Amino acid sequence: MKNVIVDYKKLTPDVLSLLVERYPDGYGDDDIISFKNHKNELIEAVEVKTEDTKYLVKISKRLSMQMEAFDEETMMRRK
């Protein structure tokens, strides 16, 4: 399985959709994975998986806002 670390700014609609499906009510403290990158900086991320890839999406307040907006937009299109 391939591991990919991605910033919320570079999310594809497919990965964003996976995030919204996995965390429909948002993510909590128990969902956050913390690790240090090659620069020894603390990174916090949430995980989503496809058949062949595990994505660690770096979290921020903007990620939550983007997930919420995407979910609302998707619901409006389905009506």
PDB file of N, CA and C in Angstrom:
ATOM      1  N   MET A   1       0.850  -1.183   0.000  1.00  0.00           N
ATOM      2  CA  MET A   1       0.000   0.000   0.000  1.00  0.00           C
ATOM      3  C   MET A   1       0.893   1.245   0.000  1.00  0.00           C
ATOM      4  N   LYS A   2       0.547   2.187  -0.838  1.00  0.00           N
ATOM      5  CA  LYS A   2       1.298   3.435  -0.950  1.00  0.00           C
ATOM      6  C   LYS A   2       0.813   4.403   0.133  1.00  0.00           C
ATOM      7  N   ASN A   3       1.747   5.106   0.783  1.00  0.00           N
ATOM      8  CA  ASN A   3       1.422   6.130   1.775  1.00  0.00           C
ATOM      9  C   ASN A   3       1.651   7.505   1.167  1.00  0.00           C
ATOM     10  N   VAL A   4       0.652   8.381   1.300  1.00  0.00           N
ATOM     11  CA  VAL A   4       0.754   9.725   0.747  1.00  0.00           C
ATOM     12  C   VAL A   4       0.362  10.731   1.826  1.00  0.00           C
ATOM     13  N   ILE A   5       1.238  11.712   2.054  1.00  0.00           N
ATOM     14  CA  ILE A   5       0.919  12.815   2.955  1.00  0.00           C
ATOM     15  C   ILE A   5       0.506  13.983   2.075  1.00  0.00           C
ATOM     16  N   VAL A   6      -0.667  14.542   2.359  1.00  0.00           N
ATOM     17  CA  VAL A   6      -1.191  15.607   1.500  1.00  0.00           C
ATOM     18  C   VAL A   6      -1.715  16.761   2.353  1.00  0.00           C
ATOM     19  N   ASP A   7      -1.489  17.961   1.887  1.00  0.00           N
ATOM     20  CA  ASP A   7      -2.001  19.161   2.535  1.00  0.00           C
ATOM     21  C   ASP A   7      -3.425  19.399   2.046  1.00  0.00           C
ATOM     22  N   TYR A   8      -4.255  19.982   2.887  1.00  0.00           N
ATOM     23  CA  TYR A   8      -5.651  20.202   2.493  1.00  0.00           C
ATOM     24  C   TYR A   8      -5.758  21.043   1.223  1.00  0.00           C
ATOM     25  N   LYS A   9      -4.778  21.927   0.977  1.00  0.00           N
ATOM     26  CA  LYS A   9      -4.821  22.796  -0.205  1.00  0.00           C
ATOM     27  C   LYS A   9      -4.684  22.003  -1.498  1.00  0.00           C
ATOM     28  N   LYS A  10      -4.122  20.808  -1.402  1.00  0.00           N
ATOM     29  CA  LYS A  10      -3.869  20.009  -2.600  1.00  0.00           C
ATOM     30  C   LYS A  10      -4.792  18.803  -2.705  1.00  0.00           C
ATOM     31  N   LEU A  11      -5.887  18.818  -1.957  1.00  0.00           N
ATOM     32  CA  LEU A  11      -6.819  17.695  -1.986  1.00  0.00           C
ATOM     33  C   LEU A  11      -7.546  17.616  -3.319  1.00  0.00           C
ATOM     34  N   THR A  12      -7.655  16.416  -3.827  1.00  0.00           N
ATOM     35  CA  THR A  12      -8.480  16.196  -5.013  1.00  0.00           C
ATOM     36  C   THR A  12      -9.927  16.051  -4.549  1.00  0.00           C
ATOM     37  N   PRO A  13     -10.893  16.277  -5.417  1.00  0.00           N
ATOM     38  CA  PRO A  13     -12.289  16.067  -5.028  1.00  0.00           C
ATOM     39  C   PRO A  13     -12.544  14.636  -4.529  1.00  0.00           C
ATOM     40  N   ASP A  14     -11.850  13.648  -5.087  1.00  0.00           N
ATOM     41  CA  ASP A  14     -12.035  12.257  -4.657  1.00  0.00           C
ATOM     42  C   ASP A  14     -11.589  12.051  -3.216  1.00  0.00           C
ATOM     43  N   VAL A  15     -10.428  12.585  -2.861  1.00  0.00           N
ATOM     44  CA  VAL A  15      -9.928  12.423  -1.491  1.00  0.00           C
ATOM     45  C   VAL A  15     -10.790  13.231  -0.528  1.00  0.00           C
ATOM     46  N   LEU A  16     -11.214  14.407  -0.930  1.00  0.00           N
ATOM     47  CA  LEU A  16     -12.099  15.211  -0.090  1.00  0.00           C
ATOM     48  C   LEU A  16     -13.413  14.476   0.151  1.00  0.00           C
ATOM     49  N   SER A  17     -13.927  13.824  -0.867  1.00  0.00           N
ATOM     50  CA  SER A  17     -15.147  13.033  -0.726  1.00  0.00           C
ATOM     51  C   SER A  17     -14.943  11.888   0.262  1.00  0.00           C
ATOM     52  N   LEU A  18     -13.799  11.213   0.183  1.00  0.00           N
ATOM     53  CA  LEU A  18     -13.483  10.142   1.135  1.00  0.00           C
ATOM     54  C   LEU A  18     -13.445  10.671   2.562  1.00  0.00           C
ATOM     55  N   LEU A  19     -12.861  11.856   2.748  1.00  0.00           N
ATOM     56  CA  LEU A  19     -12.802  12.465   4.082  1.00  0.00           C
ATOM     57  C   LEU A  19     -14.194  12.731   4.633  1.00  0.00           C
ATOM     58  N   VAL A  20     -15.052  13.292   3.795  1.00  0.00           N
ATOM     59  CA  VAL A  20     -16.412  13.611   4.234  1.00  0.00           C
ATOM     60  C   VAL A  20     -17.184  12.332   4.552  1.00  0.00           C
ATOM     61  N   GLU A  21     -16.981  11.275   3.768  1.00  0.00           N
ATOM     62  CA  GLU A  21     -17.636   9.994   4.041  1.00  0.00           C
ATOM     63  C   GLU A  21     -17.128   9.382   5.342  1.00  0.00           C
ATOM     64  N   ARG A  22     -15.833   9.414   5.557  1.00  0.00           N
ATOM     65  CA  ARG A  22     -15.237   8.788   6.747  1.00  0.00           C
ATOM     66  C   ARG A  22     -15.543   9.578   8.008  1.00  0.00           C
ATOM     67  N   TYR A  23     -15.572  10.903   7.905  1.00  0.00           N
ATOM     68  CA  TYR A  23     -15.796  11.764   9.065  1.00  0.00           C
ATOM     69  C   TYR A  23     -16.986  12.692   8.811  1.00  0.00           C
ATOM     70  N   PRO A  24     -18.211  12.137   8.696  1.00  0.00           N
ATOM     71  CA  PRO A  24     -19.376  12.965   8.347  1.00  0.00           C
ATOM     72  C   PRO A  24     -19.696  14.037   9.388  1.00  0.00           C
ATOM     73  N   ASP A  25     -19.334  13.785  10.641  1.00  0.00           N
ATOM     74  CA  ASP A  25     -19.580  14.758  11.708  1.00  0.00           C
ATOM     75  C   ASP A  25     -18.301  15.473  12.113  1.00  0.00           C
ATOM     76  N   GLY A  26     -17.284  15.402  11.257  1.00  0.00           N
ATOM     77  CA  GLY A  26     -15.984  15.985  11.583  1.00  0.00           C
ATOM     78  C   GLY A  26     -15.121  14.954  12.293  1.00  0.00           C
ATOM     79  N   TYR A  27     -13.865  15.263  12.437  1.00  0.00           N
ATOM     80  CA  TYR A  27     -12.947  14.342  13.102  1.00  0.00           C
ATOM     81  C   TYR A  27     -12.720  14.806  14.533  1.00  0.00           C
ATOM     82  N   GLY A  28     -12.405  13.845  15.393  1.00  0.00           N
ATOM     83  CA  GLY A  28     -12.147  14.147  16.794  1.00  0.00           C
ATOM     84  C   GLY A  28     -10.694  13.894  17.149  1.00  0.00           C
ATOM     85  N   ASP A  29     -10.364  14.144  18.393  1.00  0.00           N
ATOM     86  CA  ASP A  29      -8.989  13.949  18.863  1.00  0.00           C
ATOM     87  C   ASP A  29      -8.507  12.523  18.645  1.00  0.00           C
ATOM     88  N   ASP A  30      -9.397  11.551  18.790  1.00  0.00           N
ATOM     89  CA  ASP A  30      -9.008  10.145  18.620  1.00  0.00           C
ATOM     90  C   ASP A  30      -8.689   9.798  17.166  1.00  0.00           C
ATOM     91  N   ASP A  31      -9.143  10.611  16.229  1.00  0.00           N
ATOM     92  CA  ASP A  31      -8.906  10.359  14.804  1.00  0.00           C
ATOM     93  C   ASP A  31      -7.574  10.929  14.317  1.00  0.00           C
ATOM     94  N   ILE A  32      -6.964  11.787  15.119  1.00  0.00           N
ATOM     95  CA  ILE A  32      -5.756  12.499  14.691  1.00  0.00           C
ATOM     96  C   ILE A  32      -4.510  11.652  14.916  1.00  0.00           C
ATOM     97  N   ILE A  33      -3.689  11.583  13.881  1.00  0.00           N
ATOM     98  CA  ILE A  33      -2.403  10.887  13.936  1.00  0.00           C
ATOM     99  C   ILE A  33      -1.324  11.964  13.980  1.00  0.00           C
ATOM    100  N   SER A  34      -0.432  11.885  14.964  1.00  0.00           N
ATOM    101  CA  SER A  34       0.660  12.855  15.092  1.00  0.00           C
ATOM    102  C   SER A  34       1.983  12.174  14.790  1.00  0.00           C
ATOM    103  N   PHE A  35       2.838  12.866  14.047  1.00  0.00           N
ATOM    104  CA  PHE A  35       4.171  12.343  13.733  1.00  0.00           C
ATOM    105  C   PHE A  35       5.082  13.507  13.376  1.00  0.00           C
ATOM    106  N   LYS A  36       6.380  13.237  13.336  1.00  0.00           N
ATOM    107  CA  LYS A  36       7.348  14.268  12.952  1.00  0.00           C
ATOM    108  C   LYS A  36       7.820  14.002  11.534  1.00  0.00           C
ATOM    109  N   ASN A  37       7.921  15.075  10.751  1.00  0.00           N
ATOM    110  CA  ASN A  37       8.389  14.940   9.375  1.00  0.00           C
ATOM    111  C   ASN A  37       9.916  14.983   9.327  1.00  0.00           C
ATOM    112  N   HIS A  38      10.470  14.984   8.125  1.00  0.00           N
ATOM    113  CA  HIS A  38      11.922  14.964   7.966  1.00  0.00           C
ATOM    114  C   HIS A  38      12.600  16.233   8.490  1.00  0.00           C
ATOM    115  N   LYS A  39      11.831  17.298   8.706  1.00  0.00           N
ATOM    116  CA  LYS A  39      12.373  18.540   9.274  1.00  0.00           C
ATOM    117  C   LYS A  39      12.180  18.591  10.788  1.00  0.00           C
ATOM    118  N   ASN A  40      11.720  17.464  11.350  1.00  0.00           N
ATOM    119  CA  ASN A  40      11.456  17.331  12.782  1.00  0.00           C
ATOM    120  C   ASN A  40      10.308  18.236  13.247  1.00  0.00           C
ATOM    121  N   GLU A  41       9.389  18.573  12.330  1.00  0.00           N
ATOM    122  CA  GLU A  41       8.213  19.365  12.660  1.00  0.00           C
ATOM    123  C   GLU A  41       7.063  18.418  13.001  1.00  0.00           C
ATOM    124  N   LEU A  42       6.294  18.776  14.005  1.00  0.00           N
ATOM    125  CA  LEU A  42       5.142  17.967  14.381  1.00  0.00           C
ATOM    126  C   LEU A  42       4.034  18.155  13.347  1.00  0.00           C
ATOM    127  N   ILE A  43       3.547  17.045  12.818  1.00  0.00           N
ATOM    128  CA  ILE A  43       2.465  17.049  11.832  1.00  0.00           C
ATOM    129  C   ILE A  43       1.280  16.313  12.442  1.00  0.00           C
ATOM    130  N   GLU A  44       0.094  16.876  12.274  1.00  0.00           N
ATOM    131  CA  GLU A  44      -1.134  16.208  12.690  1.00  0.00           C
ATOM    132  C   GLU A  44      -1.966  15.974  11.440  1.00  0.00           C
ATOM    133  N   ALA A  45      -2.499  14.764  11.325  1.00  0.00           N
ATOM    134  CA  ALA A  45      -3.228  14.391  10.115  1.00  0.00           C
ATOM    135  C   ALA A  45      -4.354  13.422  10.454  1.00  0.00           C
ATOM    136  N   VAL A  46      -5.283  13.289   9.526  1.00  0.00           N
ATOM    137  CA  VAL A  46      -6.317  12.258   9.607  1.00  0.00           C
ATOM    138  C   VAL A  46      -6.108  11.320   8.427  1.00  0.00           C
ATOM    139  N   GLU A  47      -6.554  10.086   8.606  1.00  0.00           N
ATOM    140  CA  GLU A  47      -6.277   9.043   7.616  1.00  0.00           C
ATOM    141  C   GLU A  47      -7.526   8.666   6.833  1.00  0.00           C
ATOM    142  N   VAL A  48      -7.353   8.503   5.534  1.00  0.00           N
ATOM    143  CA  VAL A  48      -8.369   7.885   4.676  1.00  0.00           C
ATOM    144  C   VAL A  48      -7.648   6.925   3.746  1.00  0.00           C
ATOM    145  N   LYS A  49      -8.344   5.851   3.377  1.00  0.00           N
ATOM    146  CA  LYS A  49      -7.725   4.816   2.546  1.00  0.00           C
ATOM    147  C   LYS A  49      -8.556   4.538   1.305  1.00  0.00           C
ATOM    148  N   THR A  50      -7.836   4.188   0.244  1.00  0.00           N
ATOM    149  CA  THR A  50      -8.447   3.606  -0.942  1.00  0.00           C
ATOM    150  C   THR A  50      -7.897   2.182  -1.010  1.00  0.00           C
ATOM    151  N   GLU A  51      -8.215   1.465  -2.071  1.00  0.00           N
ATOM    152  CA  GLU A  51      -7.728   0.088  -2.180  1.00  0.00           C
ATOM    153  C   GLU A  51      -6.211   0.000  -2.153  1.00  0.00           C
ATOM    154  N   ASP A  52      -5.545   0.980  -2.756  1.00  0.00           N
ATOM    155  CA  ASP A  52      -4.090   0.887  -2.884  1.00  0.00           C
ATOM    156  C   ASP A  52      -3.302   2.011  -2.219  1.00  0.00           C
ATOM    157  N   THR A  53      -3.998   2.981  -1.605  1.00  0.00           N
ATOM    158  CA  THR A  53      -3.296   4.138  -1.048  1.00  0.00           C
ATOM    159  C   THR A  53      -3.861   4.525   0.312  1.00  0.00           C
ATOM    160  N   LYS A  54      -2.949   4.859   1.228  1.00  0.00           N
ATOM    161  CA  LYS A  54      -3.339   5.423   2.520  1.00  0.00           C
ATOM    162  C   LYS A  54      -2.937   6.893   2.496  1.00  0.00           C
ATOM    163  N   TYR A  55      -3.931   7.777   2.630  1.00  0.00           N
ATOM    164  CA  TYR A  55      -3.681   9.213   2.636  1.00  0.00           C
ATOM    165  C   TYR A  55      -3.665   9.713   4.070  1.00  0.00           C
ATOM    166  N   LEU A  56      -2.642  10.475   4.417  1.00  0.00           N
ATOM    167  CA  LEU A  56      -2.605  11.209   5.669  1.00  0.00           C
ATOM    168  C   LEU A  56      -2.792  12.670   5.290  1.00  0.00           C
ATOM    169  N   VAL A  57      -3.952  13.208   5.631  1.00  0.00           N
ATOM    170  CA  VAL A  57      -4.290  14.578   5.257  1.00  0.00           C
ATOM    171  C   VAL A  57      -3.986  15.484   6.438  1.00  0.00           C
ATOM    172  N   LYS A  58      -3.050  16.417   6.229  1.00  0.00           N
ATOM    173  CA  LYS A  58      -2.680  17.352   7.290  1.00  0.00           C
ATOM    174  C   LYS A  58      -3.907  18.159   7.686  1.00  0.00           C
ATOM    175  N   ILE A  59      -4.097  18.296   8.983  1.00  0.00           N
ATOM    176  CA  ILE A  59      -5.297  18.983   9.451  1.00  0.00           C
ATOM    177  C   ILE A  59      -5.013  20.446   9.767  1.00  0.00           C
ATOM    178  N   SER A  60      -6.077  21.214   9.684  1.00  0.00           N
ATOM    179  CA  SER A  60      -6.063  22.628  10.037  1.00  0.00           C
ATOM    180  C   SER A  60      -7.520  23.062  10.134  1.00  0.00           C
ATOM    181  N   LYS A  61      -7.728  24.247  10.628  1.00  0.00           N
ATOM    182  CA  LYS A  61      -9.092  24.775  10.699  1.00  0.00           C
ATOM    183  C   LYS A  61      -9.690  24.867   9.293  1.00  0.00           C
ATOM    184  N   ARG A  62      -8.871  25.200   8.323  1.00  0.00           N
ATOM    185  CA  ARG A  62      -9.368  25.326   6.947  1.00  0.00           C
ATOM    186  C   ARG A  62      -9.819  23.985   6.381  1.00  0.00           C
ATOM    187  N   LEU A  63      -9.182  22.893   6.791  1.00  0.00           N
ATOM    188  CA  LEU A  63      -9.623  21.573   6.328  1.00  0.00           C
ATOM    189  C   LEU A  63     -11.050  21.331   6.791  1.00  0.00           C
ATOM    190  N   SER A  64     -11.344  21.612   8.047  1.00  0.00           N
ATOM    191  CA  SER A  64     -12.702  21.433   8.567  1.00  0.00           C
ATOM    192  C   SER A  64     -13.699  22.262   7.776  1.00  0.00           C
ATOM    193  N   MET A  65     -13.331  23.504   7.489  1.00  0.00           N
ATOM    194  CA  MET A  65     -14.223  24.383   6.733  1.00  0.00           C
ATOM    195  C   MET A  65     -14.426  23.858   5.313  1.00  0.00           C
ATOM    196  N   GLN A  66     -13.361  23.351   4.696  1.00  0.00           N
ATOM    197  CA  GLN A  66     -13.455  22.833   3.329  1.00  0.00           C
ATOM    198  C   GLN A  66     -14.318  21.571   3.294  1.00  0.00           C
ATOM    199  N   MET A  67     -14.164  20.693   4.295  1.00  0.00           N
ATOM    200  CA  MET A  67     -14.983  19.480   4.358  1.00  0.00           C
ATOM    201  C   MET A  67     -16.455  19.849   4.503  1.00  0.00           C
ATOM    202  N   GLU A  68     -16.751  20.812   5.371  1.00  0.00           N
ATOM    203  CA  GLU A  68     -18.128  21.227   5.601  1.00  0.00           C
ATOM    204  C   GLU A  68     -18.733  21.837   4.336  1.00  0.00           C
ATOM    205  N   ALA A  69     -17.983  22.686   3.661  1.00  0.00           N
ATOM    206  CA  ALA A  69     -18.473  23.311   2.426  1.00  0.00           C
ATOM    207  C   ALA A  69     -18.695  22.265   1.341  1.00  0.00           C
ATOM    208  N   PHE A  70     -17.787  21.302   1.229  1.00  0.00           N
ATOM    209  CA  PHE A  70     -17.916  20.246   0.227  1.00  0.00           C
ATOM    210  C   PHE A  70     -19.165  19.422   0.498  1.00  0.00           C
ATOM    211  N   ASP A  71     -19.400  19.078   1.760  1.00  0.00           N
ATOM    212  CA  ASP A  71     -20.558  18.274   2.128  1.00  0.00           C
ATOM    213  C   ASP A  71     -21.851  19.026   1.800  1.00  0.00           C
ATOM    214  N   GLU A  72     -21.913  20.309   2.121  1.00  0.00           N
ATOM    215  CA  GLU A  72     -23.107  21.104   1.824  1.00  0.00           C
ATOM    216  C   GLU A  72     -23.331  21.209   0.319  1.00  0.00           C
ATOM    217  N   GLU A  73     -22.259  21.413  -0.422  1.00  0.00           N
ATOM    218  CA  GLU A  73     -22.348  21.528  -1.880  1.00  0.00           C
ATOM    219  C   GLU A  73     -22.835  20.219  -2.501  1.00  0.00           C
ATOM    220  N   THR A  74     -22.341  19.101  -2.000  1.00  0.00           N
ATOM    221  CA  THR A  74     -22.742  17.788  -2.498  1.00  0.00           C
ATOM    222  C   THR A  74     -24.222  17.543  -2.224  1.00  0.00           C
ATOM    223  N   MET A  75     -24.676  17.907  -1.031  1.00  0.00           N
ATOM    224  CA  MET A  75     -26.080  17.713  -0.668  1.00  0.00           C
ATOM    225  C   MET A  75     -26.993  18.559  -1.557  1.00  0.00           C
ATOM    226  N   MET A  76     -26.573  19.778  -1.876  1.00  0.00           N
ATOM    227  CA  MET A  76     -27.383  20.657  -2.719  1.00  0.00           C
ATOM    228  C   MET A  76     -27.532  20.074  -4.122  1.00  0.00           C
ATOM    229  N   ARG A  77     -26.474  19.453  -4.635  1.00  0.00           N
ATOM    230  CA  ARG A  77     -26.527  18.870  -5.984  1.00  0.00           C
ATOM    231  C   ARG A  77     -27.431  17.646  -6.025  1.00  0.00           C
ATOM    232  N   ARG A  78     -27.558  16.951  -4.918  1.00  0.00           N
ATOM    233  CA  ARG A  78     -28.360  15.718  -4.883  1.00  0.00           C
ATOM    234  C   ARG A  78     -29.851  16.010  -4.803  1.00  0.00           C
ATOM    235  N   LYS A  79     -30.214  17.216  -4.415  1.00  0.00           N
ATOM    236  CA  LYS A  79     -31.639  17.558  -4.257  1.00  0.00           C
ATOM    237  C   LYS A  79     -32.306  17.771  -5.581  1.00  0.00           C
TER     238      LYS A  79
END
